[in-house]
Amino acid sequence: MSRTVTMNLKAEEYTNRVLGVIKEKYGLNDKSQALNKFAQMFGEEFVEREVKEEIIKEVIASCDRHIKKYGFKTMTTKELDDLCKGE
C-alpha cells in the first residue's frame, strides 16, 4: 500500500526543467507526479521497493549465529581501538 508524504523542497532550475519534461511526456497533472514517476523509473537502482523475505531471514540467521558465537558481550574502548589499529 502506498502512502503519501507532504514535503517542501527547493530544486535547482535544471531539476525543475527535468520534472517539467517528465510531466509533459507522461501526461501527468503536476511535478509531484513527475517526481514519483522519476522515482519509479530509477529508484530501484538505489532502494528496493520492499525488503524481500529471504533477506530478512538471512539477517535474522546472521544475528542468531553471532549471538550464539559471541553472546551479548560488549567491547571495551581499548578492544575497539586495537581492532581499528589493525587496518
PDB file of N, CA and C in Angstrom:
ATOM      1  N   MET A   1       0.836  -1.171   0.000  1.00  0.00           N
ATOM      2  CA  MET A   1       0.000   0.000   0.000  1.00  0.00           C
ATOM      3  C   MET A   1       0.884   1.239   0.000  1.00  0.00           C
ATOM      4  N   SER A   2       0.562   2.193  -0.809  1.00  0.00           N
ATOM      5  CA  SER A   2       1.375   3.389  -0.962  1.00  0.00           C
ATOM      6  C   SER A   2       0.879   4.505  -0.052  1.00  0.00           C
ATOM      7  N   ARG A   3       1.805   5.139   0.643  1.00  0.00           N
ATOM      8  CA  ARG A   3       1.495   6.287   1.489  1.00  0.00           C
ATOM      9  C   ARG A   3       2.022   7.529   0.813  1.00  0.00           C
ATOM     10  N   THR A   4       1.365   8.636   1.029  1.00  0.00           N
ATOM     11  CA  THR A   4       1.896   9.891   0.513  1.00  0.00           C
ATOM     12  C   THR A   4       2.474  10.698   1.660  1.00  0.00           C
ATOM     13  N   VAL A   5       3.490  11.467   1.341  1.00  0.00           N
ATOM     14  CA  VAL A   5       4.175  12.297   2.311  1.00  0.00           C
ATOM     15  C   VAL A   5       4.221  13.706   1.737  1.00  0.00           C
ATOM     16  N   THR A   6       3.917  14.676   2.546  1.00  0.00           N
ATOM     17  CA  THR A   6       3.989  16.061   2.115  1.00  0.00           C
ATOM     18  C   THR A   6       5.390  16.584   2.385  1.00  0.00           C
ATOM     19  N   MET A   7       6.002  17.224   1.374  1.00  0.00           N
ATOM     20  CA  MET A   7       7.317  17.809   1.578  1.00  0.00           C
ATOM     21  C   MET A   7       7.417  19.163   0.898  1.00  0.00           C
ATOM     22  N   ASN A   8       8.236  19.969   1.486  1.00  0.00           N
ATOM     23  CA  ASN A   8       8.531  21.279   0.933  1.00  0.00           C
ATOM     24  C   ASN A   8       9.997  21.232   0.530  1.00  0.00           C
ATOM     25  N   LEU A   9      10.302  21.417  -0.758  1.00  0.00           N
ATOM     26  CA  LEU A   9      11.691  21.306  -1.167  1.00  0.00           C
ATOM     27  C   LEU A   9      12.072  22.404  -2.142  1.00  0.00           C
ATOM     28  N   LYS A  10      13.366  22.638  -2.197  1.00  0.00           N
ATOM     29  CA  LYS A  10      13.920  23.589  -3.152  1.00  0.00           C
ATOM     30  C   LYS A  10      14.675  22.779  -4.190  1.00  0.00           C
ATOM     31  N   ALA A  11      14.444  23.073  -5.461  1.00  0.00           N
ATOM     32  CA  ALA A  11      15.098  22.340  -6.533  1.00  0.00           C
ATOM     33  C   ALA A  11      15.846  23.317  -7.429  1.00  0.00           C
ATOM     34  N   GLU A  12      16.913  22.843  -8.013  1.00  0.00           N
ATOM     35  CA  GLU A  12      17.650  23.649  -8.976  1.00  0.00           C
ATOM     36  C   GLU A  12      16.806  23.833 -10.237  1.00  0.00           C
ATOM     37  N   GLU A  13      17.137  24.832 -11.022  1.00  0.00           N
ATOM     38  CA  GLU A  13      16.397  25.120 -12.258  1.00  0.00           C
ATOM     39  C   GLU A  13      16.418  23.918 -13.199  1.00  0.00           C
ATOM     40  N   TYR A  14      17.558  23.243 -13.301  1.00  0.00           N
ATOM     41  CA  TYR A  14      17.651  22.068 -14.177  1.00  0.00           C
ATOM     42  C   TYR A  14      16.692  20.968 -13.725  1.00  0.00           C
ATOM     43  N   THR A  15      16.647  20.727 -12.424  1.00  0.00           N
ATOM     44  CA  THR A  15      15.735  19.723 -11.868  1.00  0.00           C
ATOM     45  C   THR A  15      14.295  20.093 -12.187  1.00  0.00           C
ATOM     46  N   ASN A  16      13.971  21.347 -12.053  1.00  0.00           N
ATOM     47  CA  ASN A  16      12.636  21.838 -12.368  1.00  0.00           C
ATOM     48  C   ASN A  16      12.292  21.567 -13.838  1.00  0.00           C
ATOM     49  N   ARG A  17      13.253  21.806 -14.720  1.00  0.00           N
ATOM     50  CA  ARG A  17      13.011  21.561 -16.149  1.00  0.00           C
ATOM     51  C   ARG A  17      12.833  20.074 -16.436  1.00  0.00           C
ATOM     52  N   VAL A  18      13.663  19.243 -15.802  1.00  0.00           N
ATOM     53  CA  VAL A  18      13.552  17.793 -15.993  1.00  0.00           C
ATOM     54  C   VAL A  18      12.171  17.310 -15.557  1.00  0.00           C
ATOM     55  N   LEU A  19      11.727  17.762 -14.380  1.00  0.00           N
ATOM     56  CA  LEU A  19      10.400  17.358 -13.899  1.00  0.00           C
ATOM     57  C   LEU A  19       9.308  17.857 -14.834  1.00  0.00           C
ATOM     58  N   GLY A  20       9.491  19.051 -15.393  1.00  0.00           N
ATOM     59  CA  GLY A  20       8.520  19.575 -16.359  1.00  0.00           C
ATOM     60  C   GLY A  20       8.439  18.718 -17.605  1.00  0.00           C
ATOM     61  N   VAL A  21       9.581  18.254 -18.090  1.00  0.00           N
ATOM     62  CA  VAL A  21       9.605  17.396 -19.286  1.00  0.00           C
ATOM     63  C   VAL A  21       8.945  16.054 -18.980  1.00  0.00           C
ATOM     64  N   ILE A  22       9.260  15.466 -17.833  1.00  0.00           N
ATOM     65  CA  ILE A  22       8.637  14.188 -17.444  1.00  0.00           C
ATOM     66  C   ILE A  22       7.133  14.363 -17.330  1.00  0.00           C
ATOM     67  N   LYS A  23       6.707  15.465 -16.728  1.00  0.00           N
ATOM     68  CA  LYS A  23       5.273  15.757 -16.566  1.00  0.00           C
ATOM     69  C   LYS A  23       4.586  15.778 -17.924  1.00  0.00           C
ATOM     70  N   GLU A  24       5.163  16.484 -18.882  1.00  0.00           N
ATOM     71  CA  GLU A  24       4.553  16.590 -20.219  1.00  0.00           C
ATOM     72  C   GLU A  24       4.635  15.271 -20.978  1.00  0.00           C
ATOM     73  N   LYS A  25       5.769  14.613 -20.915  1.00  0.00           N
ATOM     74  CA  LYS A  25       5.975  13.373 -21.662  1.00  0.00           C
ATOM     75  C   LYS A  25       4.967  12.295 -21.263  1.00  0.00           C
ATOM     76  N   TYR A  26       4.684  12.198 -19.965  1.00  0.00           N
ATOM     77  CA  TYR A  26       3.794  11.149 -19.483  1.00  0.00           C
ATOM     78  C   TYR A  26       2.384  11.657 -19.200  1.00  0.00           C
ATOM     79  N   GLY A  27       2.090  12.905 -19.545  1.00  0.00           N
ATOM     80  CA  GLY A  27       0.748  13.453 -19.364  1.00  0.00           C
ATOM     81  C   GLY A  27       0.307  13.507 -17.918  1.00  0.00           C
ATOM     82  N   LEU A  28       1.219  13.890 -17.049  1.00  0.00           N
ATOM     83  CA  LEU A  28       0.921  13.928 -15.618  1.00  0.00           C
ATOM     84  C   LEU A  28       0.314  15.277 -15.245  1.00  0.00           C
ATOM     85  N   ASN A  29      -0.335  15.327 -14.099  1.00  0.00           N
ATOM     86  CA  ASN A  29      -1.030  16.542 -13.673  1.00  0.00           C
ATOM     87  C   ASN A  29      -0.117  17.597 -13.067  1.00  0.00           C
ATOM     88  N   ASP A  30       0.948  17.163 -12.381  1.00  0.00           N
ATOM     89  CA  ASP A  30       1.819  18.135 -11.723  1.00  0.00           C
ATOM     90  C   ASP A  30       3.217  17.551 -11.557  1.00  0.00           C
ATOM     91  N   LYS A  31       4.115  18.383 -11.068  1.00  0.00           N
ATOM     92  CA  LYS A  31       5.504  17.953 -10.912  1.00  0.00           C
ATOM     93  C   LYS A  31       5.670  16.952  -9.775  1.00  0.00           C
ATOM     94  N   SER A  32       4.737  16.924  -8.853  1.00  0.00           N
ATOM     95  CA  SER A  32       4.762  15.916  -7.805  1.00  0.00           C
ATOM     96  C   SER A  32       4.621  14.523  -8.431  1.00  0.00           C
ATOM     97  N   GLN A  33       3.694  14.396  -9.365  1.00  0.00           N
ATOM     98  CA  GLN A  33       3.533  13.122 -10.073  1.00  0.00           C
ATOM     99  C   GLN A  33       4.766  12.826 -10.921  1.00  0.00           C
ATOM    100  N   ALA A  34       5.379  13.871 -11.478  1.00  0.00           N
ATOM    101  CA  ALA A  34       6.597  13.686 -12.263  1.00  0.00           C
ATOM    102  C   ALA A  34       7.729  13.159 -11.389  1.00  0.00           C
ATOM    103  N   LEU A  35       7.841  13.685 -10.189  1.00  0.00           N
ATOM    104  CA  LEU A  35       8.864  13.214  -9.259  1.00  0.00           C
ATOM    105  C   LEU A  35       8.611  11.755  -8.884  1.00  0.00           C
ATOM    106  N   ASN A  36       7.351  11.391  -8.655  1.00  0.00           N
ATOM    107  CA  ASN A  36       7.010   9.995  -8.366  1.00  0.00           C
ATOM    108  C   ASN A  36       7.362   9.095  -9.544  1.00  0.00           C
ATOM    109  N   LYS A  37       7.092   9.555 -10.764  1.00  0.00           N
ATOM    110  CA  LYS A  37       7.414   8.781 -11.966  1.00  0.00           C
ATOM    111  C   LYS A  37       8.917   8.587 -12.071  1.00  0.00           C
ATOM    112  N   PHE A  38       9.672   9.641 -11.817  1.00  0.00           N
ATOM    113  CA  PHE A  38      11.128   9.562 -11.853  1.00  0.00           C
ATOM    114  C   PHE A  38      11.631   8.527 -10.844  1.00  0.00           C
ATOM    115  N   ALA A  39      11.058   8.548  -9.642  1.00  0.00           N
ATOM    116  CA  ALA A  39      11.454   7.591  -8.609  1.00  0.00           C
ATOM    117  C   ALA A  39      11.098   6.163  -9.029  1.00  0.00           C
ATOM    118  N   GLN A  40       9.945   5.976  -9.666  1.00  0.00           N
ATOM    119  CA  GLN A  40       9.558   4.645 -10.148  1.00  0.00           C
ATOM    120  C   GLN A  40      10.543   4.151 -11.200  1.00  0.00           C
ATOM    121  N   MET A  41      10.987   5.066 -12.061  1.00  0.00           N
ATOM    122  CA  MET A  41      11.869   4.692 -13.157  1.00  0.00           C
ATOM    123  C   MET A  41      13.284   4.358 -12.677  1.00  0.00           C
ATOM    124  N   PHE A  42      13.803   5.115 -11.703  1.00  0.00           N
ATOM    125  CA  PHE A  42      15.208   4.981 -11.342  1.00  0.00           C
ATOM    126  C   PHE A  42      15.463   4.628  -9.880  1.00  0.00           C
ATOM    127  N   GLY A  43      14.436   4.602  -9.067  1.00  0.00           N
ATOM    128  CA  GLY A  43      14.623   4.394  -7.635  1.00  0.00           C
ATOM    129  C   GLY A  43      15.204   3.057  -7.248  1.00  0.00           C
ATOM    130  N   GLU A  44      14.866   2.005  -7.975  1.00  0.00           N
ATOM    131  CA  GLU A  44      15.334   0.672  -7.581  1.00  0.00           C
ATOM    132  C   GLU A  44      16.831   0.490  -7.767  1.00  0.00           C
ATOM    133  N   GLU A  45      17.476   1.430  -8.472  1.00  0.00           N
ATOM    134  CA  GLU A  45      18.938   1.394  -8.552  1.00  0.00           C
ATOM    135  C   GLU A  45      19.549   1.686  -7.183  1.00  0.00           C
ATOM    136  N   PHE A  46      18.774   2.357  -6.322  1.00  0.00           N
ATOM    137  CA  PHE A  46      19.281   2.786  -5.026  1.00  0.00           C
ATOM    138  C   PHE A  46      18.580   2.120  -3.851  1.00  0.00           C
ATOM    139  N   VAL A  47      17.268   1.890  -3.962  1.00  0.00           N
ATOM    140  CA  VAL A  47      16.476   1.356  -2.854  1.00  0.00           C
ATOM    141  C   VAL A  47      15.488   0.337  -3.403  1.00  0.00           C
ATOM    142  N   GLU A  48      15.452  -0.841  -2.778  1.00  0.00           N
ATOM    143  CA  GLU A  48      14.459  -1.833  -3.177  1.00  0.00           C
ATOM    144  C   GLU A  48      13.090  -1.375  -2.699  1.00  0.00           C
ATOM    145  N   ARG A  49      12.079  -1.686  -3.496  1.00  0.00           N
ATOM    146  CA  ARG A  49      10.714  -1.291  -3.131  1.00  0.00           C
ATOM    147  C   ARG A  49      10.295  -1.920  -1.818  1.00  0.00           C
ATOM    148  N   GLU A  50      10.529  -3.198  -1.681  1.00  0.00           N
ATOM    149  CA  GLU A  50      10.189  -3.913  -0.450  1.00  0.00           C
ATOM    150  C   GLU A  50      11.359  -4.800  -0.077  1.00  0.00           C
ATOM    151  N   VAL A  51      11.541  -4.978   1.202  1.00  0.00           N
ATOM    152  CA  VAL A  51      12.573  -5.893   1.643  1.00  0.00           C
ATOM    153  C   VAL A  51      12.072  -7.305   1.380  1.00  0.00           C
ATOM    154  N   LYS A  52      12.886  -8.081   0.717  1.00  0.00           N
ATOM    155  CA  LYS A  52      12.494  -9.451   0.388  1.00  0.00           C
ATOM    156  C   LYS A  52      12.583 -10.325   1.632  1.00  0.00           C
ATOM    157  N   GLU A  53      11.658 -11.253   1.719  1.00  0.00           N
ATOM    158  CA  GLU A  53      11.588 -12.127   2.896  1.00  0.00           C
ATOM    159  C   GLU A  53      12.889 -12.885   3.102  1.00  0.00           C
ATOM    160  N   GLU A  54      13.537 -13.301   2.016  1.00  0.00           N
ATOM    161  CA  GLU A  54      14.785 -14.063   2.147  1.00  0.00           C
ATOM    162  C   GLU A  54      15.901 -13.210   2.760  1.00  0.00           C
ATOM    163  N   ILE A  55      15.893 -11.914   2.485  1.00  0.00           N
ATOM    164  CA  ILE A  55      16.900 -11.029   3.072  1.00  0.00           C
ATOM    165  C   ILE A  55      16.655 -10.897   4.571  1.00  0.00           C
ATOM    166  N   ILE A  56      15.394 -10.760   4.955  1.00  0.00           N
ATOM    167  CA  ILE A  56      15.056 -10.672   6.384  1.00  0.00           C
ATOM    168  C   ILE A  56      15.494 -11.940   7.104  1.00  0.00           C
ATOM    169  N   LYS A  57      15.198 -13.094   6.513  1.00  0.00           N
ATOM    170  CA  LYS A  57      15.593 -14.371   7.120  1.00  0.00           C
ATOM    171  C   LYS A  57      17.111 -14.475   7.231  1.00  0.00           C
ATOM    172  N   GLU A  58      17.824 -14.004   6.209  1.00  0.00           N
ATOM    173  CA  GLU A  58      19.288 -14.047   6.215  1.00  0.00           C
ATOM    174  C   GLU A  58      19.860 -13.168   7.328  1.00  0.00           C
ATOM    175  N   VAL A  59      19.296 -11.982   7.507  1.00  0.00           N
ATOM    176  CA  VAL A  59      19.768 -11.085   8.562  1.00  0.00           C
ATOM    177  C   VAL A  59      19.496 -11.684   9.932  1.00  0.00           C
ATOM    178  N   ILE A  60      18.316 -12.234  10.123  1.00  0.00           N
ATOM    179  CA  ILE A  60      17.977 -12.861  11.410  1.00  0.00           C
ATOM    180  C   ILE A  60      18.900 -14.032  11.692  1.00  0.00           C
ATOM    181  N   ALA A  61      19.161 -14.864  10.684  1.00  0.00           N
ATOM    182  CA  ALA A  61      20.054 -16.011  10.867  1.00  0.00           C
ATOM    183  C   ALA A  61      21.467 -15.545  11.195  1.00  0.00           C
ATOM    184  N   SER A  62      21.926 -14.496  10.536  1.00  0.00           N
ATOM    185  CA  SER A  62      23.259 -13.953  10.806  1.00  0.00           C
ATOM    186  C   SER A  62      23.354 -13.445  12.244  1.00  0.00           C
ATOM    187  N   CYS A  63      22.327 -12.741  12.688  1.00  0.00           N
ATOM    188  CA  CYS A  63      22.303 -12.253  14.076  1.00  0.00           C
ATOM    189  C   CYS A  63      22.297 -13.416  15.057  1.00  0.00           C
ATOM    190  N   ASP A  64      21.502 -14.444  14.772  1.00  0.00           N
ATOM    191  CA  ASP A  64      21.443 -15.611  15.653  1.00  0.00           C
ATOM    192  C   ASP A  64      22.802 -16.305  15.745  1.00  0.00           C
ATOM    193  N   ARG A  65      23.492 -16.444  14.591  1.00  0.00           N
ATOM    194  CA  ARG A  65      24.821 -17.066  14.600  1.00  0.00           C
ATOM    195  C   ARG A  65      25.803 -16.238  15.425  1.00  0.00           C
ATOM    196  N   HIS A  66      25.735 -14.941  15.262  1.00  0.00           N
ATOM    197  CA  HIS A  66      26.642 -14.055  16.006  1.00  0.00           C
ATOM    198  C   HIS A  66      26.382 -14.160  17.510  1.00  0.00           C
ATOM    199  N   ILE A  67      25.133 -14.167  17.908  1.00  0.00           N
ATOM    200  CA  ILE A  67      24.797 -14.251  19.338  1.00  0.00           C
ATOM    201  C   ILE A  67      25.210 -15.598  19.908  1.00  0.00           C
ATOM    202  N   LYS A  68      25.021 -16.686  19.135  1.00  0.00           N
ATOM    203  CA  LYS A  68      25.450 -17.997  19.612  1.00  0.00           C
ATOM    204  C   LYS A  68      26.959 -18.036  19.813  1.00  0.00           C
ATOM    205  N   LYS A  69      27.687 -17.402  18.890  1.00  0.00           N
ATOM    206  CA  LYS A  69      29.148 -17.442  18.954  1.00  0.00           C
ATOM    207  C   LYS A  69      29.698 -16.490  20.016  1.00  0.00           C
ATOM    208  N   TYR A  70      29.175 -15.285  20.097  1.00  0.00           N
ATOM    209  CA  TYR A  70      29.739 -14.266  20.962  1.00  0.00           C
ATOM    210  C   TYR A  70      28.847 -13.862  22.130  1.00  0.00           C
ATOM    211  N   GLY A  71      27.592 -14.240  22.100  1.00  0.00           N
ATOM    212  CA  GLY A  71      26.673 -13.807  23.142  1.00  0.00           C
ATOM    213  C   GLY A  71      26.419 -12.313  23.024  1.00  0.00           C
ATOM    214  N   PHE A  72      26.106 -11.703  24.143  1.00  0.00           N
ATOM    215  CA  PHE A  72      25.837 -10.271  24.152  1.00  0.00           C
ATOM    216  C   PHE A  72      27.006  -9.508  24.771  1.00  0.00           C
ATOM    217  N   LYS A  73      28.197 -10.013  24.549  1.00  0.00           N
ATOM    218  CA  LYS A  73      29.419  -9.416  25.092  1.00  0.00           C
ATOM    219  C   LYS A  73      29.608  -8.007  24.523  1.00  0.00           C
ATOM    220  N   THR A  74      30.005  -7.101  25.394  1.00  0.00           N
ATOM    221  CA  THR A  74      30.303  -5.746  24.934  1.00  0.00           C
ATOM    222  C   THR A  74      31.810  -5.597  24.744  1.00  0.00           C
ATOM    223  N   MET A  75      32.190  -4.655  23.929  1.00  0.00           N
ATOM    224  CA  MET A  75      33.595  -4.427  23.645  1.00  0.00           C
ATOM    225  C   MET A  75      34.069  -3.200  24.422  1.00  0.00           C
ATOM    226  N   THR A  76      35.256  -3.317  24.993  1.00  0.00           N
ATOM    227  CA  THR A  76      35.809  -2.166  25.699  1.00  0.00           C
ATOM    228  C   THR A  76      36.356  -1.170  24.681  1.00  0.00           C
ATOM    229  N   THR A  77      36.587   0.036  25.140  1.00  0.00           N
ATOM    230  CA  THR A  77      37.153   1.059  24.260  1.00  0.00           C
ATOM    231  C   THR A  77      38.538   0.639  23.783  1.00  0.00           C
ATOM    232  N   LYS A  78      39.323   0.018  24.653  1.00  0.00           N
ATOM    233  CA  LYS A  78      40.662  -0.449  24.270  1.00  0.00           C
ATOM    234  C   LYS A  78      40.568  -1.527  23.198  1.00  0.00           C
ATOM    235  N   GLU A  79      39.635  -2.462  23.346  1.00  0.00           N
ATOM    236  CA  GLU A  79      39.461  -3.509  22.333  1.00  0.00           C
ATOM    237  C   GLU A  79      39.061  -2.897  20.980  1.00  0.00           C
ATOM    238  N   LEU A  80      38.198  -1.919  21.027  1.00  0.00           N
ATOM    239  CA  LEU A  80      37.794  -1.242  19.809  1.00  0.00           C
ATOM    240  C   LEU A  80      38.956  -0.500  19.159  1.00  0.00           C
ATOM    241  N   ASP A  81      39.743   0.198  19.992  1.00  0.00           N
ATOM    242  CA  ASP A  81      40.929   0.889  19.468  1.00  0.00           C
ATOM    243  C   ASP A  81      41.900  -0.088  18.839  1.00  0.00           C
ATOM    244  N   ASP A  82      42.160  -1.222  19.516  1.00  0.00           N
ATOM    245  CA  ASP A  82      43.073  -2.228  18.993  1.00  0.00           C
ATOM    246  C   ASP A  82      42.552  -2.792  17.670  1.00  0.00           C
ATOM    247  N   LEU A  83      41.247  -3.000  17.585  1.00  0.00           N
ATOM    248  CA  LEU A  83      40.653  -3.532  16.365  1.00  0.00           C
ATOM    249  C   LEU A  83      40.816  -2.536  15.212  1.00  0.00           C
ATOM    250  N   CYS A  84      40.631  -1.283  15.491  1.00  0.00           N
ATOM    251  CA  CYS A  84      40.731  -0.240  14.457  1.00  0.00           C
ATOM    252  C   CYS A  84      42.173  -0.006  14.015  1.00  0.00           C
ATOM    253  N   LYS A  85      43.139  -0.216  14.891  1.00  0.00           N
ATOM    254  CA  LYS A  85      44.549  -0.028  14.538  1.00  0.00           C
ATOM    255  C   LYS A  85      45.019  -1.070  13.546  1.00  0.00           C
ATOM    256  N   GLY A  86      44.355  -2.207  13.492  1.00  0.00           N
ATOM    257  CA  GLY A  86      44.749  -3.294  12.607  1.00  0.00           C
ATOM    258  C   GLY A  86      44.569  -2.956  11.132  1.00  0.00           C
ATOM    259  N   GLU A  87      43.784  -1.922  10.834  1.00  0.00           N
ATOM    260  CA  GLU A  87      43.535  -1.600   9.428  1.00  0.00           C
ATOM    261  C   GLU A  87      44.311  -0.425   8.966  1.00  0.00           C
TER     262      GLU A  87
END
